[in-house]
C-alpha atoms as a PDB file:
ATOM      1  CA  MET A   1     -30.354 102.473  11.780  1.00  0.00           C
ATOM      2  CA  SER A   2     -32.583 100.622  14.217  1.00  0.00           C
ATOM      3  CA  LEU A   3     -33.421  96.947  13.806  1.00  0.00           C
ATOM      4  CA  SER A   4     -36.412  95.238  15.258  1.00  0.00           C
ATOM      5  CA  ARG A   5     -35.936  92.489  17.822  1.00  0.00           C
ATOM      6  CA  LYS A   6     -37.063  89.905  15.354  1.00  0.00           C
ATOM      7  CA  ARG A   7     -34.450  91.020  12.788  1.00  0.00           C
ATOM      8  CA  LYS A   8     -31.722  91.096  15.453  1.00  0.00           C
ATOM      9  CA  LYS A   9     -32.564  87.507  16.478  1.00  0.00           C
ATOM     10  CA  GLU A  10     -32.581  86.391  12.846  1.00  0.00           C
ATOM     11  CA  LEU A  11     -29.206  88.053  12.227  1.00  0.00           C
ATOM     12  CA  GLU A  12     -27.703  86.481  15.367  1.00  0.00           C
ATOM     13  CA  LYS A  13     -29.052  83.082  14.287  1.00  0.00           C
ATOM     14  CA  LEU A  14     -27.571  83.593  10.804  1.00  0.00           C
ATOM     15  CA  GLN A  15     -24.254  84.650  12.342  1.00  0.00           C
ATOM     16  CA  LYS A  16     -24.162  81.493  14.509  1.00  0.00           C
ATOM     17  CA  GLN A  17     -24.964  79.331  11.474  1.00  0.00           C
ATOM     18  CA  ALA A  18     -22.170  81.017   9.494  1.00  0.00           C
ATOM     19  CA  GLY A  19     -19.733  80.456  12.378  1.00  0.00           C
ATOM     20  CA  SER A  20     -20.783  76.828  12.614  1.00  0.00           C
ATOM     21  CA  LEU A  21     -20.326  76.388   8.862  1.00  0.00           C
ATOM     22  CA  TRP A  22     -16.892  78.048   9.064  1.00  0.00           C
ATOM     23  CA  ASP A  23     -15.805  75.685  11.843  1.00  0.00           C
ATOM     24  CA  ALA A  24     -17.042  72.667   9.862  1.00  0.00           C
ATOM     25  CA  GLN A  25     -15.134  73.853   6.787  1.00  0.00           C
ATOM     26  CA  GLN A  26     -11.942  74.267   8.813  1.00  0.00           C
ATOM     27  CA  VAL A  27     -12.265  70.713  10.091  1.00  0.00           C
ATOM     28  CA  LEU A  28     -12.879  69.469   6.535  1.00  0.00           C
ATOM     29  CA  VAL A  29      -9.855  71.382   5.181  1.00  0.00           C
ATOM     30  CA  GLY A  30      -7.705  69.951   7.974  1.00  0.00           C
ATOM     31  CA  GLU A  31      -8.805  66.408   7.138  1.00  0.00           C
ATOM     32  CA  ALA A  32      -8.199  67.029   3.431  1.00  0.00           C
ATOM     33  CA  ALA A  33      -4.657  68.208   4.237  1.00  0.00           C
ATOM     34  CA  THR A  34      -4.084  65.042   6.258  1.00  0.00           C
ATOM     35  CA  VAL A  35      -5.291  62.904   3.348  1.00  0.00           C
ATOM     36  CA  ALA A  36      -3.075  64.840   0.916  1.00  0.00           C
ATOM     37  CA  ARG A  37      -0.004  64.353   3.142  1.00  0.00           C
ATOM     38  CA  GLU A  38      -0.672  60.635   3.401  1.00  0.00           C
ATOM     39  CA  ALA A  39      -1.193  60.390  -0.357  1.00  0.00           C
ATOM     40  CA  GLY A  40       2.154  62.110  -0.919  1.00  0.00           C
ATOM     41  CA  ARG A  41       3.851  59.754   1.501  1.00  0.00           C
ATOM     42  CA  GLN A  42       2.307  56.727  -0.235  1.00  0.00           C
ATOM     43  CA  LEU A  43       3.336  58.099  -3.630  1.00  0.00           C
ATOM     44  CA  GLY A  44       6.901  58.391  -2.361  1.00  0.00           C
ATOM     45  CA  HIS A  45       6.831  54.773  -1.198  1.00  0.00           C
ATOM     46  CA  TYR A  46       5.384  53.626  -4.511  1.00  0.00           C
ATOM     47  CA  SER A  47       8.002  55.593  -6.412  1.00  0.00           C
ATOM     48  CA  ARG A  48      10.848  54.068  -4.403  1.00  0.00           C
ATOM     49  CA  GLU A  49       9.450  50.529  -4.502  1.00  0.00           C
ATOM     50  CA  GLN A  50       8.020  50.305  -8.024  1.00  0.00           C
ATOM     51  CA  VAL A  51       9.030  53.117 -10.373  1.00  0.00           C
ATOM     52  CA  ALA A  52      12.697  53.579  -9.443  1.00  0.00           C
ATOM     53  CA  PRO A  53      13.587  49.873  -9.878  1.00  0.00           C
ATOM     54  CA  GLN A  54      11.897  49.795 -13.291  1.00  0.00           C
ATOM     55  CA  VAL A  55      13.702  52.936 -14.404  1.00  0.00           C
ATOM     56  CA  GLN A  56      17.018  51.543 -13.133  1.00  0.00           C
ATOM     57  CA  ALA A  57      16.406  48.220 -14.884  1.00  0.00           C
ATOM     58  CA  GLY A  58      15.551  50.000 -18.129  1.00  0.00           C
ATOM     59  CA  TYR A  59      18.654  52.153 -17.841  1.00  0.00           C
ATOM     60  CA  ASP A  60      20.843  49.142 -17.077  1.00  0.00           C
ATOM     61  CA  ARG A  61      19.379  47.186 -19.978  1.00  0.00           C
ATOM     62  CA  TYR A  62      19.239  49.836 -22.694  1.00  0.00           C
ATOM     63  CA  ALA A  63      21.435  52.804 -21.877  1.00  0.00           C
ATOM     64  CA  ALA A  64      24.255  51.593 -19.620  1.00  0.00           C
ATOM     65  CA  PRO A  65      26.135  49.658 -22.336  1.00  0.00           C
ATOM     66  CA  TYR A  66      26.189  52.726 -24.583  1.00  0.00           C
ATOM     67  CA  VAL A  67      27.145  55.026 -21.734  1.00  0.00           C
ATOM     68  CA  ASP A  68      30.028  52.719 -20.843  1.00  0.00           C
ATOM     69  CA  LYS A  69      31.170  52.659 -24.458  1.00  0.00           C
ATOM     70  CA  GLY A  70      30.890  56.429 -24.593  1.00  0.00           C
ATOM     71  CA  LYS A  71      33.011  56.747 -21.447  1.00  0.00           C
ATOM     72  CA  LYS A  72      35.648  54.455 -22.936  1.00  0.00           C
ATOM     73  CA  VAL A  73      35.749  56.464 -26.163  1.00  0.00           C
ATOM     74  CA  PHE A  74      35.822  59.728 -24.225  1.00  0.00           C
ATOM     75  CA  ASN A  75      38.654  58.588 -21.961  1.00  0.00           C
ATOM     76  CA  GLY A  76      40.531  56.764 -24.721  1.00  0.00           C
ATOM     77  CA  THR A  77      40.139  59.214 -27.615  1.00  0.00           C
ATOM     78  CA  VAL A  78      38.726  62.596 -26.667  1.00  0.00           C
ATOM     79  CA  ILE A  79      40.881  63.328 -23.632  1.00  0.00           C
ATOM     80  CA  PRO A  80      44.166  62.360 -25.341  1.00  0.00           C
ATOM     81  CA  ALA A  81      43.176  64.426 -28.385  1.00  0.00           C
ATOM     82  CA  ALA A  82      42.325  67.406 -26.171  1.00  0.00           C
ATOM     83  CA  GLY A  83      45.679  66.981 -24.410  1.00  0.00           C
ATOM     84  CA  ALA A  84      47.437  66.992 -27.750  1.00  0.00           C
ATOM     85  CA  VAL A  85      45.617  70.155 -28.812  1.00  0.00           C
ATOM     86  CA  VAL A  86      46.474  71.917 -25.548  1.00  0.00           C
ATOM     87  CA  GLY A  87      50.072  70.757 -25.801  1.00  0.00           C
ATOM     88  CA  SER A  88      50.325  72.038 -29.374  1.00  0.00           C
ATOM     89  CA  ALA A  89      48.830  75.386 -28.374  1.00  0.00           C
ATOM     90  CA  LEU A  90      51.326  75.740 -25.523  1.00  0.00           C
ATOM     91  CA  SER A  91      54.175  74.856 -27.879  1.00  0.00           C
ATOM     92  CA  VAL A  92      53.068  77.574 -30.289  1.00  0.00           C
ATOM     93  CA  TRP A  93      52.819  80.021 -27.378  1.00  0.00           C
ATOM     94  CA  ASP A  94      56.357  79.132 -26.238  1.00  0.00           C
ATOM     95  CA  ALA A  95      57.711  79.495 -29.775  1.00  0.00           C
ATOM     96  CA  ALA A  96      56.057  82.904 -30.116  1.00  0.00           C
ATOM     97  CA  ASN A  97      57.527  84.029 -26.787  1.00  0.00           C
ATOM     98  CA  GLU A  98      60.955  82.810 -27.839  1.00  0.00           C
ATOM     99  CA  GLN A  99      60.711  84.645 -31.169  1.00  0.00           C
ATOM    100  CA  ARG A 100      59.577  87.820 -29.403  1.00  0.00           C
ATOM    101  CA  GLY A 101      62.585  87.540 -27.096  1.00  0.00           C
ATOM    102  CA  ARG A 102      64.975  87.150 -30.065  1.00  0.00           C
ATOM    103  CA  LEU A 103      63.535  90.165 -31.812  1.00  0.00           C
ATOM    104  CA  ALA A 104      63.771  92.231 -28.636  1.00  0.00           C
ATOM    105  CA  SER A 105      67.407  91.239 -28.071  1.00  0.00           C
ATOM    106  CA  GLY A 106      68.314  91.961 -31.708  1.00  0.00           C
ATOM    107  CA  ARG A 107      69.292  88.401 -32.673  1.00  0.00           C
ATOM    108  CA  GLY A 108      67.039  88.382 -35.731  1.00  0.00           C
ATOM    109  CA  VAL A 109      64.256  86.224 -37.032  1.00  0.00           C
ATOM    110  CA  SER A 110      64.461  82.456 -36.917  1.00  0.00           C
ATOM    111  CA  VAL A 111      62.246  80.389 -39.155  1.00  0.00           C
ATOM    112  CA  PRO A 112      60.496  77.581 -37.273  1.00  0.00           C
ATOM    113  CA  VAL A 113      60.012  74.185 -38.865  1.00  0.00           C
ATOM    114  CA  VAL A 114      56.341  73.741 -39.779  1.00  0.00           C
ATOM    115  CA  VAL A 115      54.892  70.302 -39.200  1.00  0.00           C
ATOM    116  CA  PRO A 116      51.790  69.564 -41.285  1.00  0.00           C
ATOM    117  CA  THR A 117      48.698  68.974 -39.169  1.00  0.00           C
ATOM    118  CA  LYS A 118      45.844  66.617 -39.790  1.00  0.00           C
ATOM    119  CA  LYS A 119      42.629  68.115 -41.068  1.00  0.00           C
ATOM    120  CA  GLY A 120      39.189  66.737 -40.307  1.00  0.00           C
ATOM    121  CA  ILE A 121      37.590  64.927 -37.467  1.00  0.00           C
ATOM    122  CA  GLY A 122      38.940  61.434 -38.084  1.00  0.00           C
ATOM    123  CA  ALA A 123      37.512  57.995 -37.406  1.00  0.00           C
ATOM    124  CA  GLY A 124      37.729  58.243 -33.609  1.00  0.00           C
ATOM    125  CA  GLY A 125      35.726  61.462 -33.570  1.00  0.00           C
ATOM    126  CA  VAL A 126      33.041  59.969 -35.812  1.00  0.00           C
ATOM    127  CA  ILE A 127      32.789  56.894 -33.584  1.00  0.00           C
ATOM    128  CA  ALA A 128      32.550  59.079 -30.477  1.00  0.00           C
ATOM    129  CA  ILE A 129      29.736  61.135 -31.999  1.00  0.00           C
ATOM    130  CA  ILE A 130      27.837  58.010 -33.080  1.00  0.00           C
ATOM    131  CA  LEU A 131      28.175  56.441 -29.632  1.00  0.00           C
ATOM    132  CA  GLY A 132      27.105  59.660 -27.921  1.00  0.00           C
ATOM    133  CA  VAL A 133      23.979  59.904 -30.069  1.00  0.00           C
ATOM    134  CA  ALA A 134      23.247  56.207 -29.493  1.00  0.00           C
ATOM    135  CA  ALA A 135      23.569  56.679 -25.720  1.00  0.00           C
ATOM    136  CA  ALA A 136      21.168  59.639 -25.791  1.00  0.00           C
ATOM    137  CA  VAL A 137      18.676  57.634 -27.856  1.00  0.00           C
ATOM    138  CA  GLY A 138      19.002  54.724 -25.428  1.00  0.00           C
ATOM    139  CA  VAL A 139      18.244  56.925 -22.429  1.00  0.00           C
ATOM    140  CA  LEU A 140      15.218  58.445 -24.163  1.00  0.00           C
ATOM    141  CA  TYR A 141      13.963  55.008 -25.204  1.00  0.00           C
ATOM    142  CA  ALA A 142      14.331  53.649 -21.661  1.00  0.00           C
ATOM    143  CA  ALA A 143      12.394  56.611 -20.258  1.00  0.00           C
ATOM    144  CA  TRP A 144       9.674  56.180 -22.865  1.00  0.00           C
ATOM    145  CA  GLN A 145       9.372  52.431 -22.167  1.00  0.00           C
ATOM    146  CA  THR A 146       9.128  53.095 -18.466  1.00  0.00           C
ATOM    147  CA  LEU A 147       6.424  55.727 -18.711  1.00  0.00           C
ATOM    148  CA  ARG A 148       4.319  54.646 -21.681  1.00  0.00           C
ATOM    149  CA  ALA A 149       2.386  51.626 -20.307  1.00  0.00           C
ATOM    150  CA  ASP A 150       1.956  52.544 -16.657  1.00  0.00           C
ATOM    151  CA  ASP A 151      -1.693  53.617 -16.803  1.00  0.00           C
ATOM    152  CA  GLU A 152      -2.124  52.783 -13.110  1.00  0.00           C
ATOM    153  CA  LEU A 153       0.329  55.526 -12.156  1.00  0.00           C
ATOM    154  CA  TRP A 154      -1.766  58.388 -13.489  1.00  0.00           C
ATOM    155  CA  VAL A 155      -4.553  60.095 -11.571  1.00  0.00           C
ATOM    156  CA  ALA A 156      -8.066  59.447 -12.863  1.00  0.00           C
ATOM    157  CA  ASP A 157      -9.845  62.308 -14.632  1.00  0.00           C
ATOM    158  CA  ASP A 158     -13.210  61.783 -12.925  1.00  0.00           C
ATOM    159  CA  PRO A 159     -13.494  63.288  -9.425  1.00  0.00           C
ATOM    160  CA  LEU A 160     -13.868  61.142  -6.345  1.00  0.00           C
ATOM    161  CA  ARG A 161     -17.403  60.526  -5.162  1.00  0.00           C
ATOM    162  CA  ALA A 162     -18.425  61.361  -1.633  1.00  0.00           C
ATOM    163  CA  PRO A 163     -19.509  58.317   0.415  1.00  0.00           C
ATOM    164  CA  ASP A 164     -23.224  57.712   0.639  1.00  0.00           C
ATOM    165  CA  ALA A 165     -24.709  58.637   3.987  1.00  0.00           C
END
């Protein structure tokens, strides 16, 4: 296919314009990336200087007392109860092993003394559950208080306008 000189010149001119436009777009994209990096850096500063202290203050005010109470209940009630359960299970295991050994050696069956066990969760378990739920509610409330009224933190819905030339 043969093109006239005029068409070749027009195509070369169009190709130069497209190359120029491409170069301008690359510069614009580079500047936009620079602005985005700076915005991210500023957001990090704002988060460390403004948001994190408010979240920490809300946690300290609303949730920390319940978390501390929950830790005390956990360490004072749950762990000793779990230790008792594990100890009882190991005692049963030892008794079963001892009985198996007696049967194997032909000494007969011995009847172990059965100690009645408590049934139900008890007052300590109920208190631990209530405090755990209260701590979870406190954390959720602190997060909600922190995030609900900070309208300045959110990005505007309308796009930015280009500066007037």
